[in-house]
Amino acid sequence: MTGAAHRPAAAPLPWDDIIRFGLGVLRLSPDALWSLTLPEIAAAARRGAGLAPPARADLDALLAAFPDE
């Protein structure tokens, strides 16, 4: 027998939660959501947990450094 026969069954992915997070929280288009890998979605979820949005001064500095032309 191979080692795979002794592995416990993996829990199914919570696709409803992933789709709700990608479309609702991240506000991605369906194409953008489905182009992400699972590690990228997980990183986005970790990054969004408990972080404050950027301060206005930080946004103003970015706008000054990278103006729209």
C-alpha atoms as a PDB file:
ATOM      1  CA  MET A   1       0.000   0.000   0.000  1.00  0.00           C
ATOM      2  CA  THR A   2       1.064   3.561  -0.597  1.00  0.00           C
ATOM      3  CA  GLY A   3       1.217   6.286   2.027  1.00  0.00           C
ATOM      4  CA  ALA A   4      -1.774   7.997   0.435  1.00  0.00           C
ATOM      5  CA  ALA A   5      -4.055   5.211   1.648  1.00  0.00           C
ATOM      6  CA  HIS A   6      -3.262   6.166   5.262  1.00  0.00           C
ATOM      7  CA  ARG A   7      -3.919   9.903   4.988  1.00  0.00           C
ATOM      8  CA  PRO A   8      -7.070  11.257   6.600  1.00  0.00           C
ATOM      9  CA  ALA A   9      -9.599  12.801   4.255  1.00  0.00           C
ATOM     10  CA  ALA A  10      -9.072  16.539   3.791  1.00  0.00           C
ATOM     11  CA  ALA A  11     -11.898  18.871   4.712  1.00  0.00           C
ATOM     12  CA  PRO A  12     -13.606  20.371   1.676  1.00  0.00           C
ATOM     13  CA  LEU A  13     -12.721  23.959   0.881  1.00  0.00           C
ATOM     14  CA  PRO A  14     -15.295  26.491   2.058  1.00  0.00           C
ATOM     15  CA  TRP A  15     -15.988  27.799  -1.438  1.00  0.00           C
ATOM     16  CA  ASP A  16     -19.012  29.859  -0.371  1.00  0.00           C
ATOM     17  CA  ASP A  17     -16.858  31.729   2.143  1.00  0.00           C
ATOM     18  CA  ILE A  18     -14.017  32.174  -0.358  1.00  0.00           C
ATOM     19  CA  ILE A  19     -16.366  33.563  -3.008  1.00  0.00           C
ATOM     20  CA  ARG A  20     -18.125  35.830  -0.486  1.00  0.00           C
ATOM     21  CA  PHE A  21     -14.752  37.152   0.719  1.00  0.00           C
ATOM     22  CA  GLY A  22     -13.340  37.688  -2.765  1.00  0.00           C
ATOM     23  CA  LEU A  23     -16.402  39.303  -4.300  1.00  0.00           C
ATOM     24  CA  GLY A  24     -17.837  41.022  -1.230  1.00  0.00           C
ATOM     25  CA  VAL A  25     -14.904  42.028   0.967  1.00  0.00           C
ATOM     26  CA  LEU A  26     -12.103  42.376  -1.568  1.00  0.00           C
ATOM     27  CA  ARG A  27     -14.591  43.560  -4.220  1.00  0.00           C
ATOM     28  CA  LEU A  28     -12.836  41.606  -6.963  1.00  0.00           C
ATOM     29  CA  SER A  29     -14.409  40.830 -10.287  1.00  0.00           C
ATOM     30  CA  PRO A  30     -15.162  37.135 -10.802  1.00  0.00           C
ATOM     31  CA  ASP A  31     -12.300  36.900 -13.316  1.00  0.00           C
ATOM     32  CA  ALA A  32      -9.866  38.462 -10.838  1.00  0.00           C
ATOM     33  CA  LEU A  33     -11.041  36.176  -8.030  1.00  0.00           C
ATOM     34  CA  TRP A  34     -10.648  33.002 -10.088  1.00  0.00           C
ATOM     35  CA  SER A  35      -7.190  34.068 -11.269  1.00  0.00           C
ATOM     36  CA  LEU A  36      -5.890  34.063  -7.681  1.00  0.00           C
ATOM     37  CA  THR A  37      -4.284  31.018  -6.125  1.00  0.00           C
ATOM     38  CA  LEU A  38      -5.462  29.717  -2.759  1.00  0.00           C
ATOM     39  CA  PRO A  39      -2.257  30.974  -1.050  1.00  0.00           C
ATOM     40  CA  GLU A  40      -2.929  34.456  -2.478  1.00  0.00           C
ATOM     41  CA  ILE A  41      -6.494  34.422  -1.148  1.00  0.00           C
ATOM     42  CA  ALA A  42      -5.229  33.239   2.245  1.00  0.00           C
ATOM     43  CA  ALA A  43      -2.628  36.035   2.310  1.00  0.00           C
ATOM     44  CA  ALA A  44      -5.305  38.615   1.495  1.00  0.00           C
ATOM     45  CA  ALA A  45      -7.472  37.270   4.320  1.00  0.00           C
ATOM     46  CA  ARG A  46      -4.571  37.426   6.797  1.00  0.00           C
ATOM     47  CA  ARG A  47      -3.629  40.927   5.686  1.00  0.00           C
ATOM     48  CA  GLY A  48      -7.154  42.214   6.108  1.00  0.00           C
ATOM     49  CA  ALA A  49      -7.606  40.834   9.601  1.00  0.00           C
ATOM     50  CA  GLY A  50      -7.368  43.639  12.132  1.00  0.00           C
ATOM     51  CA  LEU A  51      -5.484  46.141  10.003  1.00  0.00           C
ATOM     52  CA  ALA A  52      -6.565  49.753   9.816  1.00  0.00           C
ATOM     53  CA  PRO A  53      -6.966  51.374   6.413  1.00  0.00           C
ATOM     54  CA  PRO A  54      -4.118  53.646   5.304  1.00  0.00           C
ATOM     55  CA  ALA A  55      -4.079  57.155   6.772  1.00  0.00           C
ATOM     56  CA  ARG A  56      -5.016  60.081   4.523  1.00  0.00           C
ATOM     57  CA  ALA A  57      -1.452  61.455   4.772  1.00  0.00           C
ATOM     58  CA  ASP A  58      -0.103  58.144   3.445  1.00  0.00           C
ATOM     59  CA  LEU A  59      -2.538  58.232   0.527  1.00  0.00           C
ATOM     60  CA  ASP A  60      -1.618  61.862  -0.224  1.00  0.00           C
ATOM     61  CA  ALA A  61       2.088  60.918  -0.232  1.00  0.00           C
ATOM     62  CA  LEU A  62       1.402  58.092  -2.697  1.00  0.00           C
ATOM     63  CA  LEU A  63      -0.630  60.423  -4.924  1.00  0.00           C
ATOM     64  CA  ALA A  64       2.217  62.942  -4.919  1.00  0.00           C
ATOM     65  CA  ALA A  65       4.803  60.272  -5.702  1.00  0.00           C
ATOM     66  CA  PHE A  66       2.695  58.586  -8.404  1.00  0.00           C
ATOM     67  CA  PRO A  67       0.401  61.208  -9.962  1.00  0.00           C
ATOM     68  CA  ASP A  68      -2.195  60.199 -12.525  1.00  0.00           C
ATOM     69  CA  GLU A  69      -1.298  61.597 -15.905  1.00  0.00           C
END
